[in-house]
Amino acid sequence: MDSSLPPPVLLVIAAFSRHGGALRWAEEKLTAQFGPIARISPDFDFHQTRYYESTMGTGLRKRFLIFRDLIPPDGLADAKVRTNHLEQELAQAARFQEPRPINLDPGILSLGKFMLATTKDQAHRIYLQSGIYAEVTLQFQSHAYRPNPWTYADYREPALLDFLGEARDYYRQRLREEAAMEG
């Protein structure tokens, strides 16, 4: 690994929908695009906001997919562009009654932080490319990921923070494996 470049990061994609079929479809498509899924979180009730109800319906369930293959940190924008295309593909297929049957939110996890990609600009977000911004959603401090003042409510949930802590352990293992392959 080039020591002038930051280490690769763990790709994490949050998928939520009210339809199990949409979530399964997303897992298949995401695996084809980003490689094997290494870990899947339990499903979480997405009840922290009603923002998505008009386009996605009620009873939303959210799960987090951890991908085996590490990516360069500057791959976050590309991941968001690709997941946006997948959302559009499923919406255009009209297999579900809602105009937006799935939401896919990619993020990257490193030892010190968890960052999310978004298309919405705010004062605490940095522009990457292709209409995509990044925000540091969580910081790793005192042996756990900690929210920032702007962190979405669902990313403050203890069960999710625990899962991301486990994902961080997996990421450390993957970094060791990659270092051993290079050395």
C-alpha atoms as a PDB file:
ATOM      1  CA  MET A   1       0.000   0.000   0.000  1.00  0.00           C
ATOM      2  CA  ASP A   2       1.310   3.477  -0.917  1.00  0.00           C
ATOM      3  CA  SER A   3       2.100   5.134   2.426  1.00  0.00           C
ATOM      4  CA  SER A   4       1.173   8.563   1.035  1.00  0.00           C
ATOM      5  CA  LEU A   5      -2.427   7.453   0.556  1.00  0.00           C
ATOM      6  CA  PRO A   6      -4.949   6.927   3.347  1.00  0.00           C
ATOM      7  CA  PRO A   7      -5.829   3.309   4.060  1.00  0.00           C
ATOM      8  CA  PRO A   8      -8.859   1.796   2.360  1.00  0.00           C
ATOM      9  CA  VAL A   9     -12.145   1.988   4.237  1.00  0.00           C
ATOM     10  CA  LEU A  10     -15.120  -0.234   4.919  1.00  0.00           C
ATOM     11  CA  LEU A  11     -18.173   0.353   2.743  1.00  0.00           C
ATOM     12  CA  VAL A  12     -21.426   0.373   4.714  1.00  0.00           C
ATOM     13  CA  ILE A  13     -24.771   0.806   2.978  1.00  0.00           C
ATOM     14  CA  ALA A  14     -27.977   1.452   4.889  1.00  0.00           C
ATOM     15  CA  ALA A  15     -31.009   0.104   3.052  1.00  0.00           C
ATOM     16  CA  PHE A  16     -34.545   0.829   4.128  1.00  0.00           C
ATOM     17  CA  SER A  17     -37.973   0.013   2.818  1.00  0.00           C
ATOM     18  CA  ARG A  18     -41.318  -1.306   3.931  1.00  0.00           C
ATOM     19  CA  HIS A  19     -40.944  -4.228   1.499  1.00  0.00           C
ATOM     20  CA  GLY A  20     -38.791  -7.280   2.211  1.00  0.00           C
ATOM     21  CA  GLY A  21     -38.699  -7.919  -1.530  1.00  0.00           C
ATOM     22  CA  ALA A  22     -37.180  -4.497  -2.162  1.00  0.00           C
ATOM     23  CA  LEU A  23     -34.532  -5.102   0.486  1.00  0.00           C
ATOM     24  CA  ARG A  24     -33.647  -8.497  -1.036  1.00  0.00           C
ATOM     25  CA  TRP A  25     -33.518  -6.925  -4.520  1.00  0.00           C
ATOM     26  CA  ALA A  26     -31.151  -4.255  -3.198  1.00  0.00           C
ATOM     27  CA  GLU A  27     -28.859  -6.834  -1.596  1.00  0.00           C
ATOM     28  CA  GLU A  28     -28.549  -8.697  -4.913  1.00  0.00           C
ATOM     29  CA  LYS A  29     -27.867  -5.528  -6.893  1.00  0.00           C
ATOM     30  CA  LEU A  30     -25.431  -4.146  -4.322  1.00  0.00           C
ATOM     31  CA  THR A  31     -23.506  -7.432  -4.224  1.00  0.00           C
ATOM     32  CA  ALA A  32     -23.177  -7.303  -8.012  1.00  0.00           C
ATOM     33  CA  GLN A  33     -21.836  -3.743  -7.786  1.00  0.00           C
ATOM     34  CA  PHE A  34     -19.692  -3.792  -4.640  1.00  0.00           C
ATOM     35  CA  GLY A  35     -18.815  -7.433  -4.012  1.00  0.00           C
ATOM     36  CA  PRO A  36     -19.764  -9.852  -1.249  1.00  0.00           C
ATOM     37  CA  ILE A  37     -21.614  -8.705   1.845  1.00  0.00           C
ATOM     38  CA  ALA A  38     -19.636  -9.631   4.952  1.00  0.00           C
ATOM     39  CA  ARG A  39     -22.156  -8.657   7.644  1.00  0.00           C
ATOM     40  CA  ILE A  40     -25.807  -7.655   7.805  1.00  0.00           C
ATOM     41  CA  SER A  41     -27.282  -5.884  10.800  1.00  0.00           C
ATOM     42  CA  PRO A  42     -30.547  -6.889  12.362  1.00  0.00           C
ATOM     43  CA  ASP A  43     -33.443  -4.921  10.913  1.00  0.00           C
ATOM     44  CA  PHE A  44     -34.246  -1.730  12.796  1.00  0.00           C
ATOM     45  CA  ASP A  45     -37.624  -0.003  12.908  1.00  0.00           C
ATOM     46  CA  PHE A  46     -37.202   3.313  11.150  1.00  0.00           C
ATOM     47  CA  HIS A  47     -39.446   5.474  13.301  1.00  0.00           C
ATOM     48  CA  GLN A  48     -37.323   8.537  14.090  1.00  0.00           C
ATOM     49  CA  THR A  49     -38.889  10.747  11.402  1.00  0.00           C
ATOM     50  CA  ARG A  50     -41.943  10.832   9.157  1.00  0.00           C
ATOM     51  CA  TYR A  51     -39.964  12.561   6.402  1.00  0.00           C
ATOM     52  CA  TYR A  52     -40.032   9.543   4.049  1.00  0.00           C
ATOM     53  CA  GLU A  53     -43.664   8.442   4.551  1.00  0.00           C
ATOM     54  CA  SER A  54     -45.062  10.422   1.596  1.00  0.00           C
ATOM     55  CA  THR A  55     -42.798   8.629  -0.898  1.00  0.00           C
ATOM     56  CA  MET A  56     -41.994   5.357   0.880  1.00  0.00           C
ATOM     57  CA  GLY A  57     -45.022   4.581   3.062  1.00  0.00           C
ATOM     58  CA  THR A  58     -45.127   3.594   6.712  1.00  0.00           C
ATOM     59  CA  GLY A  59     -43.626   0.657   8.595  1.00  0.00           C
ATOM     60  CA  LEU A  60     -40.122   1.191   7.248  1.00  0.00           C
ATOM     61  CA  ARG A  61     -37.362  -1.247   8.230  1.00  0.00           C
ATOM     62  CA  LYS A  62     -33.684  -0.386   7.961  1.00  0.00           C
ATOM     63  CA  ARG A  63     -30.683  -2.695   7.752  1.00  0.00           C
ATOM     64  CA  PHE A  64     -26.987  -2.070   7.340  1.00  0.00           C
ATOM     65  CA  LEU A  65     -24.838  -4.015   4.907  1.00  0.00           C
ATOM     66  CA  ILE A  66     -21.098  -4.291   5.463  1.00  0.00           C
ATOM     67  CA  PHE A  67     -19.102  -5.182   2.365  1.00  0.00           C
ATOM     68  CA  ARG A  68     -16.051  -7.428   2.441  1.00  0.00           C
ATOM     69  CA  ASP A  69     -14.011  -5.528  -0.132  1.00  0.00           C
ATOM     70  CA  LEU A  70     -12.418  -2.362   1.192  1.00  0.00           C
ATOM     71  CA  ILE A  71     -12.594   0.737  -0.985  1.00  0.00           C
ATOM     72  CA  PRO A  72     -10.492   3.890  -1.254  1.00  0.00           C
ATOM     73  CA  PRO A  73     -11.922   6.728   0.842  1.00  0.00           C
ATOM     74  CA  ASP A  74     -12.514   8.793  -2.282  1.00  0.00           C
ATOM     75  CA  GLY A  75     -14.876   6.062  -3.520  1.00  0.00           C
ATOM     76  CA  LEU A  76     -17.739   7.385  -1.372  1.00  0.00           C
ATOM     77  CA  ALA A  77     -19.096   9.739  -4.032  1.00  0.00           C
ATOM     78  CA  ASP A  78     -19.088   6.984  -6.661  1.00  0.00           C
ATOM     79  CA  ALA A  79     -20.920   4.657  -4.259  1.00  0.00           C
ATOM     80  CA  LYS A  80     -23.632   7.290  -3.720  1.00  0.00           C
ATOM     81  CA  VAL A  81     -24.053   7.904  -7.450  1.00  0.00           C
ATOM     82  CA  ARG A  82     -24.366   4.147  -8.028  1.00  0.00           C
ATOM     83  CA  THR A  83     -26.880   3.633  -5.206  1.00  0.00           C
ATOM     84  CA  ASN A  84     -28.943   6.579  -6.492  1.00  0.00           C
ATOM     85  CA  HIS A  85     -29.115   4.831  -9.872  1.00  0.00           C
ATOM     86  CA  LEU A  86     -30.253   1.617  -8.201  1.00  0.00           C
ATOM     87  CA  GLU A  87     -33.011   3.478  -6.325  1.00  0.00           C
ATOM     88  CA  GLN A  88     -34.198   4.946  -9.626  1.00  0.00           C
ATOM     89  CA  GLU A  89     -34.047   1.550 -11.344  1.00  0.00           C
ATOM     90  CA  LEU A  90     -36.363  -0.045  -8.796  1.00  0.00           C
ATOM     91  CA  ALA A  91     -38.727   2.940  -8.772  1.00  0.00           C
ATOM     92  CA  GLN A  92     -39.003   2.867 -12.573  1.00  0.00           C
ATOM     93  CA  ALA A  93     -39.727  -0.864 -12.542  1.00  0.00           C
ATOM     94  CA  ALA A  94     -42.977  -0.018 -10.681  1.00  0.00           C
ATOM     95  CA  ARG A  95     -42.978  -3.335  -8.808  1.00  0.00           C
ATOM     96  CA  PHE A  96     -44.160  -1.582  -5.651  1.00  0.00           C
ATOM     97  CA  GLN A  97     -46.907   0.968  -5.137  1.00  0.00           C
ATOM     98  CA  GLU A  98     -44.700   3.651  -3.569  1.00  0.00           C
ATOM     99  CA  PRO A  99     -42.816   6.097  -5.812  1.00  0.00           C
ATOM    100  CA  ARG A 100     -39.655   5.369  -3.801  1.00  0.00           C
ATOM    101  CA  PRO A 101     -39.688   1.738  -2.666  1.00  0.00           C
ATOM    102  CA  ILE A 102     -36.070   1.701  -1.418  1.00  0.00           C
ATOM    103  CA  ASN A 103     -33.601   4.165   0.056  1.00  0.00           C
ATOM    104  CA  LEU A 104     -29.891   3.356  -0.106  1.00  0.00           C
ATOM    105  CA  ASP A 105     -27.434   5.429   1.916  1.00  0.00           C
ATOM    106  CA  PRO A 106     -23.741   4.566   1.512  1.00  0.00           C
ATOM    107  CA  GLY A 107     -21.179   5.464   4.104  1.00  0.00           C
ATOM    108  CA  ILE A 108     -17.586   4.660   4.858  1.00  0.00           C
ATOM    109  CA  LEU A 109     -16.191   3.490   8.152  1.00  0.00           C
ATOM    110  CA  SER A 110     -12.614   4.056   9.256  1.00  0.00           C
ATOM    111  CA  LEU A 111     -10.929   3.631  12.602  1.00  0.00           C
ATOM    112  CA  GLY A 112     -11.656   7.238  13.570  1.00  0.00           C
ATOM    113  CA  LYS A 113     -14.986   8.046  11.958  1.00  0.00           C
ATOM    114  CA  PHE A 114     -18.099   7.036  10.063  1.00  0.00           C
ATOM    115  CA  MET A 115     -19.055   9.241   7.120  1.00  0.00           C
ATOM    116  CA  LEU A 116     -22.264   9.350   5.108  1.00  0.00           C
ATOM    117  CA  ALA A 117     -22.762  10.525   1.540  1.00  0.00           C
ATOM    118  CA  THR A 118     -25.633  12.839   0.660  1.00  0.00           C
ATOM    119  CA  THR A 119     -26.868  15.019  -2.181  1.00  0.00           C
ATOM    120  CA  LYS A 120     -27.902  17.784   0.237  1.00  0.00           C
ATOM    121  CA  ASP A 121     -25.495  20.589   1.136  1.00  0.00           C
ATOM    122  CA  GLN A 122     -25.262  21.912   4.701  1.00  0.00           C
ATOM    123  CA  ALA A 123     -22.674  23.932   6.612  1.00  0.00           C
ATOM    124  CA  HIS A 124     -21.085  20.793   8.078  1.00  0.00           C
ATOM    125  CA  ARG A 125     -20.804  18.914   4.773  1.00  0.00           C
ATOM    126  CA  ILE A 126     -17.933  18.878   2.290  1.00  0.00           C
ATOM    127  CA  TYR A 127     -18.492  18.708  -1.463  1.00  0.00           C
ATOM    128  CA  LEU A 128     -16.840  15.674  -3.079  1.00  0.00           C
ATOM    129  CA  GLN A 129     -17.913  15.463  -6.740  1.00  0.00           C
ATOM    130  CA  SER A 130     -20.881  14.690  -9.015  1.00  0.00           C
ATOM    131  CA  GLY A 131     -23.342  16.490  -6.727  1.00  0.00           C
ATOM    132  CA  ILE A 132     -22.296  14.417  -3.698  1.00  0.00           C
ATOM    133  CA  TYR A 133     -21.335  15.733  -0.266  1.00  0.00           C
ATOM    134  CA  ALA A 134     -19.859  13.920   2.734  1.00  0.00           C
ATOM    135  CA  GLU A 135     -20.414  14.424   6.419  1.00  0.00           C
ATOM    136  CA  VAL A 136     -18.670  12.969   9.431  1.00  0.00           C
ATOM    137  CA  THR A 137     -21.731  11.448  11.070  1.00  0.00           C
ATOM    138  CA  LEU A 138     -19.957   9.681  13.945  1.00  0.00           C
ATOM    139  CA  GLN A 139     -16.547  10.039  15.582  1.00  0.00           C
ATOM    140  CA  PHE A 140     -14.748   7.210  17.338  1.00  0.00           C
ATOM    141  CA  GLN A 141     -13.872   8.414  20.855  1.00  0.00           C
ATOM    142  CA  SER A 142     -13.441   6.598  24.163  1.00  0.00           C
ATOM    143  CA  HIS A 143     -13.830   3.156  22.559  1.00  0.00           C
ATOM    144  CA  ALA A 144     -17.138   3.869  20.764  1.00  0.00           C
ATOM    145  CA  TYR A 145     -18.653   5.809  17.902  1.00  0.00           C
ATOM    146  CA  ARG A 146     -20.172   9.072  19.161  1.00  0.00           C
ATOM    147  CA  PRO A 147     -22.718  11.280  17.379  1.00  0.00           C
ATOM    148  CA  ASN A 148     -22.181  14.882  16.370  1.00  0.00           C
ATOM    149  CA  PRO A 149     -24.803  17.612  16.886  1.00  0.00           C
ATOM    150  CA  TRP A 150     -26.054  17.088  13.303  1.00  0.00           C
ATOM    151  CA  THR A 151     -26.143  13.282  13.409  1.00  0.00           C
ATOM    152  CA  TYR A 152     -29.498  11.841  12.316  1.00  0.00           C
ATOM    153  CA  ALA A 153     -31.581  10.349  15.129  1.00  0.00           C
ATOM    154  CA  ASP A 154     -31.419   6.788  13.780  1.00  0.00           C
ATOM    155  CA  TYR A 155     -27.602   6.941  13.826  1.00  0.00           C
ATOM    156  CA  ARG A 156     -27.750   7.783  17.552  1.00  0.00           C
ATOM    157  CA  GLU A 157     -29.536   4.520  18.457  1.00  0.00           C
ATOM    158  CA  PRO A 158     -27.454   2.382  20.858  1.00  0.00           C
ATOM    159  CA  ALA A 159     -28.087  -0.832  18.894  1.00  0.00           C
ATOM    160  CA  LEU A 160     -26.785   0.767  15.701  1.00  0.00           C
ATOM    161  CA  LEU A 161     -23.751   2.231  17.466  1.00  0.00           C
ATOM    162  CA  ASP A 162     -23.012  -1.242  18.840  1.00  0.00           C
ATOM    163  CA  PHE A 163     -23.317  -2.763  15.358  1.00  0.00           C
ATOM    164  CA  LEU A 164     -20.953  -0.161  13.909  1.00  0.00           C
ATOM    165  CA  GLY A 165     -18.519  -0.917  16.734  1.00  0.00           C
ATOM    166  CA  GLU A 166     -18.592  -4.569  15.637  1.00  0.00           C
ATOM    167  CA  ALA A 167     -18.130  -3.410  12.042  1.00  0.00           C
ATOM    168  CA  ARG A 168     -15.056  -1.478  13.183  1.00  0.00           C
ATOM    169  CA  ASP A 169     -13.621  -4.687  14.679  1.00  0.00           C
ATOM    170  CA  TYR A 170     -14.256  -6.435  11.354  1.00  0.00           C
ATOM    171  CA  TYR A 171     -12.580  -3.533   9.539  1.00  0.00           C
ATOM    172  CA  ARG A 172      -9.460  -3.841  11.741  1.00  0.00           C
ATOM    173  CA  GLN A 173      -9.324  -7.541  10.853  1.00  0.00           C
ATOM    174  CA  ARG A 174      -9.643  -6.763   7.128  1.00  0.00           C
ATOM    175  CA  LEU A 175      -6.824  -4.188   7.360  1.00  0.00           C
ATOM    176  CA  ARG A 176      -4.580  -6.812   8.966  1.00  0.00           C
ATOM    177  CA  GLU A 177      -5.483  -9.339   6.246  1.00  0.00           C
ATOM    178  CA  GLU A 178      -4.705  -6.867   3.485  1.00  0.00           C
ATOM    179  CA  ALA A 179      -1.396  -5.894   5.128  1.00  0.00           C
ATOM    180  CA  ALA A 180      -0.429  -9.577   5.404  1.00  0.00           C
ATOM    181  CA  MET A 181      -1.215 -10.123   1.703  1.00  0.00           C
ATOM    182  CA  GLU A 182       1.011  -7.194   0.746  1.00  0.00           C
ATOM    183  CA  GLY A 183       3.844  -8.073   3.072  1.00  0.00           C
END
